Amino acid sequence: MAFFKQDKPFIVPTTDGKIIEEHTGLASTGETKLSIAHMIAPAGWSEPFQKPAFDEYTLVSSGRKLFEVDGEKVEVGAGESILIKAGSRVRYSNPFTAPCEYWSVCMPAFTIDSVNREAE
């Protein structure tokens, strides 16, 4: 087939209020080269630091998201994007008062084993 239309993304179960809809990737399609996910991080949300073994491109469509990358804080807002290179120590958060909606592309595809989250 010359195309694949994704109309049922895999909804990643979470316990922190974040919505993750994987459109392409290991969990949704078995793809290992890249993953594409639509996410909504609620106000006040954060994750532990991590050192992913993949490049992650993030495009923010609404709201703002804070990235702490190798000791530097970078705020990314609607219409902006950022690339976090594999091996960088990074922490993602939304310390703001509004939700943040964004798209994330990981190359190679995201896996729980390759994200290398630190214990909180």
N, C-alpha and C. Protein backbone atom coordinates (compact mmCIF):
# COMPACT_ATOMS: atom_id res chain seq x y z
N MET A 1 0.83 -1.17 0.00
CA MET A 1 0.00 0.00 0.00
C MET A 1 0.88 1.24 0.00
N ALA A 2 0.48 2.25 -0.72
CA ALA A 2 1.26 3.47 -0.87
C ALA A 2 1.11 4.45 0.28
N PHE A 3 0.18 4.20 1.21
CA PHE A 3 -0.02 5.11 2.33
C PHE A 3 -0.61 4.37 3.52
N PHE A 4 -0.53 5.03 4.67
CA PHE A 4 -1.17 4.51 5.88
C PHE A 4 -1.78 5.71 6.58
N LYS A 5 -3.08 5.69 6.75
CA LYS A 5 -3.78 6.76 7.46
C LYS A 5 -4.00 6.32 8.90
N GLN A 6 -3.50 7.11 9.84
CA GLN A 6 -3.67 6.79 11.26
C GLN A 6 -4.92 7.50 11.77
N ASP A 7 -5.93 6.74 12.12
CA ASP A 7 -7.14 7.34 12.69
C ASP A 7 -7.43 6.81 14.09
N LYS A 8 -6.54 5.95 14.59
CA LYS A 8 -6.70 5.42 15.95
C LYS A 8 -5.33 5.37 16.64
N PRO A 9 -4.80 6.54 17.01
CA PRO A 9 -3.49 6.53 17.68
C PRO A 9 -3.54 5.76 18.99
N PHE A 10 -2.40 5.24 19.39
CA PHE A 10 -2.29 4.52 20.65
C PHE A 10 -2.29 5.55 21.78
N ILE A 11 -3.21 5.40 22.73
CA ILE A 11 -3.28 6.29 23.88
C ILE A 11 -2.40 5.68 24.98
N VAL A 12 -1.31 6.37 25.28
CA VAL A 12 -0.36 5.87 26.27
C VAL A 12 -0.95 6.10 27.66
N PRO A 13 -1.04 5.04 28.47
CA PRO A 13 -1.57 5.23 29.82
C PRO A 13 -0.60 6.06 30.67
N THR A 14 -1.13 7.05 31.37
CA THR A 14 -0.31 7.90 32.24
C THR A 14 -1.00 8.05 33.60
N THR A 15 -0.23 8.49 34.58
CA THR A 15 -0.79 8.73 35.91
C THR A 15 -0.61 10.18 36.34
N ASP A 16 -0.06 11.02 35.44
CA ASP A 16 0.26 12.40 35.80
C ASP A 16 -0.62 13.44 35.11
N GLY A 17 -1.69 13.00 34.44
CA GLY A 17 -2.59 13.94 33.78
C GLY A 17 -2.20 14.29 32.36
N LYS A 18 -1.02 13.89 31.92
CA LYS A 18 -0.56 14.18 30.56
C LYS A 18 -1.27 13.25 29.58
N ILE A 19 -1.68 13.80 28.44
CA ILE A 19 -2.31 13.03 27.38
C ILE A 19 -1.25 12.76 26.32
N ILE A 20 -1.08 11.50 25.94
CA ILE A 20 -0.12 11.11 24.91
C ILE A 20 -0.83 10.23 23.90
N GLU A 21 -0.87 10.68 22.65
CA GLU A 21 -1.46 9.93 21.55
C GLU A 21 -0.35 9.63 20.54
N GLU A 22 0.13 8.40 20.54
CA GLU A 22 1.19 8.04 19.59
C GLU A 22 0.57 7.66 18.26
N HIS A 23 0.91 8.43 17.22
CA HIS A 23 0.39 8.19 15.87
C HIS A 23 1.27 7.20 15.11
N THR A 24 2.56 7.29 15.33
CA THR A 24 3.52 6.38 14.69
C THR A 24 4.57 6.05 15.73
N GLY A 25 4.97 4.80 15.79
CA GLY A 25 6.01 4.41 16.74
C GLY A 25 5.85 2.96 17.14
N LEU A 26 6.67 2.55 18.07
CA LEU A 26 6.70 1.16 18.49
C LEU A 26 5.34 0.69 19.04
N ALA A 27 4.72 1.47 19.90
CA ALA A 27 3.46 1.05 20.53
C ALA A 27 2.29 1.07 19.55
N SER A 28 2.27 2.01 18.60
CA SER A 28 1.11 2.18 17.73
C SER A 28 1.21 1.41 16.42
N THR A 29 2.38 1.41 15.80
CA THR A 29 2.51 0.81 14.47
C THR A 29 3.68 -0.17 14.35
N GLY A 30 4.49 -0.28 15.40
CA GLY A 30 5.66 -1.14 15.35
C GLY A 30 6.87 -0.48 14.71
N GLU A 31 6.76 0.78 14.36
CA GLU A 31 7.84 1.52 13.71
C GLU A 31 8.99 1.76 14.69
N THR A 32 10.22 1.47 14.27
CA THR A 32 11.38 1.67 15.14
C THR A 32 12.24 2.87 14.72
N LYS A 33 12.08 3.36 13.48
CA LYS A 33 12.93 4.46 13.00
C LYS A 33 12.57 5.80 13.60
N LEU A 34 11.26 6.00 13.86
CA LEU A 34 10.82 7.27 14.46
C LEU A 34 9.48 7.07 15.13
N SER A 35 9.16 7.99 16.02
CA SER A 35 7.83 8.01 16.61
C SER A 35 7.30 9.44 16.53
N ILE A 36 5.99 9.55 16.37
CA ILE A 36 5.31 10.84 16.31
C ILE A 36 4.15 10.78 17.30
N ALA A 37 4.12 11.75 18.21
CA ALA A 37 3.06 11.76 19.21
C ALA A 37 2.50 13.16 19.41
N HIS A 38 1.21 13.21 19.63
CA HIS A 38 0.50 14.44 19.99
C HIS A 38 0.33 14.39 21.50
N MET A 39 0.67 15.49 22.19
CA MET A 39 0.61 15.48 23.65
C MET A 39 -0.01 16.76 24.19
N ILE A 40 -0.61 16.62 25.36
CA ILE A 40 -1.10 17.78 26.11
C ILE A 40 -0.60 17.62 27.54
N ALA A 41 0.23 18.57 27.97
CA ALA A 41 0.77 18.58 29.33
C ALA A 41 -0.05 19.58 30.15
N PRO A 42 -0.70 19.11 31.22
CA PRO A 42 -1.50 20.04 32.02
C PRO A 42 -0.62 21.06 32.76
N ALA A 43 -1.23 22.15 33.17
CA ALA A 43 -0.52 23.15 33.98
C ALA A 43 0.05 22.47 35.22
N GLY A 44 1.28 22.80 35.55
CA GLY A 44 1.92 22.25 36.74
C GLY A 44 2.58 20.90 36.55
N TRP A 45 2.52 20.34 35.36
CA TRP A 45 3.07 19.01 35.06
C TRP A 45 4.60 19.06 34.95
N SER A 46 5.25 17.94 35.33
CA SER A 46 6.69 17.81 35.11
C SER A 46 7.07 16.33 35.10
N GLU A 47 8.24 16.04 34.54
CA GLU A 47 8.82 14.70 34.52
C GLU A 47 10.17 14.76 35.20
N PRO A 48 10.72 13.61 35.59
CA PRO A 48 12.09 13.59 36.11
C PRO A 48 13.08 13.87 34.99
N PHE A 49 14.31 14.19 35.37
CA PHE A 49 15.37 14.34 34.37
C PHE A 49 15.57 13.01 33.66
N GLN A 50 16.04 13.09 32.42
CA GLN A 50 16.32 11.91 31.63
C GLN A 50 17.48 12.19 30.67
N LYS A 51 18.03 11.12 30.11
CA LYS A 51 19.12 11.22 29.13
C LYS A 51 18.78 10.30 27.96
N PRO A 52 17.85 10.74 27.09
CA PRO A 52 17.36 9.87 26.03
C PRO A 52 18.45 9.46 25.03
N ALA A 53 18.27 8.27 24.47
CA ALA A 53 19.17 7.75 23.45
C ALA A 53 18.60 8.03 22.06
N PHE A 54 17.77 9.07 21.95
CA PHE A 54 17.18 9.45 20.67
C PHE A 54 17.12 10.98 20.59
N ASP A 55 17.13 11.50 19.36
CA ASP A 55 16.87 12.92 19.14
C ASP A 55 15.38 13.15 19.29
N GLU A 56 14.99 14.27 19.92
CA GLU A 56 13.57 14.57 20.06
C GLU A 56 13.29 15.99 19.57
N TYR A 57 12.42 16.07 18.57
CA TYR A 57 11.96 17.34 18.02
C TYR A 57 10.60 17.63 18.63
N THR A 58 10.41 18.84 19.15
CA THR A 58 9.13 19.22 19.74
C THR A 58 8.64 20.50 19.07
N LEU A 59 7.38 20.49 18.64
CA LEU A 59 6.72 21.65 18.04
C LEU A 59 5.51 21.98 18.92
N VAL A 60 5.54 23.15 19.55
CA VAL A 60 4.46 23.56 20.44
C VAL A 60 3.36 24.24 19.62
N SER A 61 2.12 23.75 19.77
CA SER A 61 1.00 24.34 19.04
C SER A 61 0.20 25.32 19.88
N SER A 62 0.17 25.11 21.21
CA SER A 62 -0.45 26.11 22.09
C SER A 62 0.15 26.00 23.49
N GLY A 63 0.15 27.12 24.19
CA GLY A 63 0.74 27.15 25.52
C GLY A 63 2.26 27.29 25.47
N ARG A 64 2.90 26.90 26.58
CA ARG A 64 4.35 26.98 26.70
C ARG A 64 4.85 25.74 27.42
N LYS A 65 6.11 25.40 27.15
CA LYS A 65 6.74 24.25 27.79
C LYS A 65 8.16 24.67 28.17
N LEU A 66 8.60 24.20 29.33
CA LEU A 66 9.95 24.51 29.80
C LEU A 66 10.84 23.30 29.62
N PHE A 67 12.02 23.53 29.04
CA PHE A 67 13.03 22.50 28.83
C PHE A 67 14.26 22.89 29.64
N GLU A 68 14.74 21.99 30.49
CA GLU A 68 16.00 22.19 31.19
C GLU A 68 16.98 21.24 30.54
N VAL A 69 17.93 21.80 29.77
CA VAL A 69 18.83 21.00 28.95
C VAL A 69 20.27 21.26 29.36
N ASP A 70 20.91 20.23 29.91
CA ASP A 70 22.31 20.34 30.33
C ASP A 70 22.56 21.61 31.14
N GLY A 71 21.65 21.90 32.08
CA GLY A 71 21.81 23.04 32.98
C GLY A 71 21.27 24.36 32.48
N GLU A 72 20.74 24.39 31.27
CA GLU A 72 20.20 25.63 30.71
C GLU A 72 18.68 25.53 30.58
N LYS A 73 17.95 26.60 30.95
CA LYS A 73 16.49 26.61 30.84
C LYS A 73 16.09 27.30 29.54
N VAL A 74 15.18 26.62 28.79
CA VAL A 74 14.70 27.15 27.52
C VAL A 74 13.17 27.04 27.52
N GLU A 75 12.50 28.17 27.32
CA GLU A 75 11.05 28.19 27.23
C GLU A 75 10.66 28.19 25.75
N VAL A 76 9.75 27.29 25.37
CA VAL A 76 9.29 27.20 23.99
C VAL A 76 7.78 27.42 23.98
N GLY A 77 7.34 28.36 23.15
CA GLY A 77 5.92 28.71 23.09
C GLY A 77 5.28 28.33 21.77
N ALA A 78 4.00 28.62 21.66
CA ALA A 78 3.21 28.29 20.48
C ALA A 78 3.89 28.80 19.21
N GLY A 79 3.98 27.91 18.21
CA GLY A 79 4.61 28.27 16.94
C GLY A 79 6.11 28.10 16.93
N GLU A 80 6.69 27.67 18.05
CA GLU A 80 8.14 27.47 18.13
C GLU A 80 8.44 25.98 18.27
N SER A 81 9.68 25.63 17.93
CA SER A 81 10.10 24.24 18.06
C SER A 81 11.51 24.18 18.64
N ILE A 82 11.88 22.97 19.08
CA ILE A 82 13.20 22.76 19.65
C ILE A 82 13.63 21.32 19.34
N LEU A 83 14.93 21.15 19.18
CA LEU A 83 15.52 19.83 19.01
C LEU A 83 16.40 19.55 20.22
N ILE A 84 16.13 18.45 20.91
CA ILE A 84 16.97 18.00 22.01
C ILE A 84 17.76 16.80 21.48
N LYS A 85 19.07 16.93 21.43
CA LYS A 85 19.92 15.89 20.87
C LYS A 85 20.06 14.71 21.84
N ALA A 86 20.18 13.53 21.27
CA ALA A 86 20.38 12.31 22.05
C ALA A 86 21.56 12.47 23.00
N GLY A 87 21.41 11.96 24.21
CA GLY A 87 22.48 12.03 25.20
C GLY A 87 22.47 13.28 26.06
N SER A 88 21.61 14.25 25.73
CA SER A 88 21.50 15.46 26.56
C SER A 88 20.71 15.12 27.82
N ARG A 89 21.11 15.73 28.93
CA ARG A 89 20.33 15.57 30.17
C ARG A 89 19.22 16.62 30.13
N VAL A 90 17.97 16.16 30.14
CA VAL A 90 16.85 17.06 29.92
C VAL A 90 15.72 16.76 30.89
N ARG A 91 15.03 17.82 31.27
CA ARG A 91 13.81 17.70 32.08
C ARG A 91 12.74 18.53 31.39
N TYR A 92 11.57 17.93 31.19
CA TYR A 92 10.44 18.58 30.56
C TYR A 92 9.43 18.96 31.62
N SER A 93 8.85 20.17 31.51
CA SER A 93 7.82 20.57 32.47
C SER A 93 6.92 21.65 31.89
N ASN A 94 5.78 21.81 32.53
CA ASN A 94 4.86 22.90 32.23
C ASN A 94 4.52 23.59 33.55
N PRO A 95 5.39 24.50 34.01
CA PRO A 95 5.14 25.19 35.27
C PRO A 95 4.15 26.35 35.13
N PHE A 96 3.57 26.49 33.96
CA PHE A 96 2.71 27.63 33.66
C PHE A 96 1.25 27.32 34.04
N THR A 97 0.38 28.31 33.89
CA THR A 97 -1.02 28.18 34.34
C THR A 97 -1.96 27.61 33.29
N ALA A 98 -1.49 27.45 32.06
CA ALA A 98 -2.33 26.90 30.98
C ALA A 98 -1.73 25.60 30.47
N PRO A 99 -2.56 24.70 29.95
CA PRO A 99 -2.02 23.47 29.35
C PRO A 99 -1.11 23.79 28.17
N CYS A 100 -0.23 22.87 27.85
CA CYS A 100 0.65 23.00 26.69
C CYS A 100 0.34 21.85 25.74
N GLU A 101 -0.01 22.17 24.50
CA GLU A 101 -0.27 21.17 23.47
C GLU A 101 0.90 21.18 22.50
N TYR A 102 1.40 20.00 22.17
CA TYR A 102 2.58 19.92 21.30
C TYR A 102 2.66 18.58 20.59
N TRP A 103 3.52 18.54 19.59
CA TRP A 103 3.83 17.33 18.83
C TRP A 103 5.29 17.01 19.05
N SER A 104 5.57 15.74 19.19
CA SER A 104 6.93 15.29 19.44
C SER A 104 7.31 14.21 18.42
N VAL A 105 8.51 14.34 17.85
CA VAL A 105 9.05 13.34 16.93
C VAL A 105 10.37 12.85 17.51
N CYS A 106 10.47 11.54 17.73
CA CYS A 106 11.71 10.95 18.26
C CYS A 106 12.35 10.08 17.19
N MET A 107 13.68 10.21 17.04
CA MET A 107 14.44 9.41 16.08
C MET A 107 15.68 8.87 16.75
N PRO A 108 15.85 7.54 16.86
CA PRO A 108 14.86 6.51 16.53
C PRO A 108 13.65 6.60 17.46
N ALA A 109 12.69 5.72 17.25
CA ALA A 109 11.43 5.78 17.98
C ALA A 109 11.62 5.70 19.49
N PHE A 110 10.75 6.40 20.20
CA PHE A 110 10.73 6.36 21.66
C PHE A 110 10.52 4.93 22.15
N THR A 111 11.29 4.55 23.15
CA THR A 111 11.00 3.33 23.92
C THR A 111 11.24 3.67 25.38
N ILE A 112 10.55 3.00 26.27
CA ILE A 112 10.71 3.27 27.69
C ILE A 112 12.13 2.96 28.14
N ASP A 113 12.79 1.98 27.50
CA ASP A 113 14.16 1.63 27.86
C ASP A 113 15.19 2.65 27.38
N SER A 114 14.88 3.36 26.28
CA SER A 114 15.86 4.30 25.71
C SER A 114 15.71 5.73 26.24
N VAL A 115 14.69 5.98 27.09
CA VAL A 115 14.50 7.34 27.61
C VAL A 115 15.44 7.61 28.79
N ASN A 116 15.82 6.56 29.52
CA ASN A 116 16.81 6.68 30.62
C ASN A 116 16.41 7.74 31.64
N ARG A 117 15.22 7.58 32.21
CA ARG A 117 14.75 8.51 33.25
C ARG A 117 15.51 8.29 34.54
N GLU A 118 15.81 9.39 35.22
CA GLU A 118 16.46 9.34 36.53
C GLU A 118 15.39 9.12 37.59
N ALA A 119 15.79 8.50 38.67
CA ALA A 119 14.87 8.32 39.80
C ALA A 119 14.60 9.69 40.41
N GLU A 120 13.38 9.91 40.85
CA GLU A 120 13.04 11.21 41.46
C GLU A 120 13.52 11.29 42.88
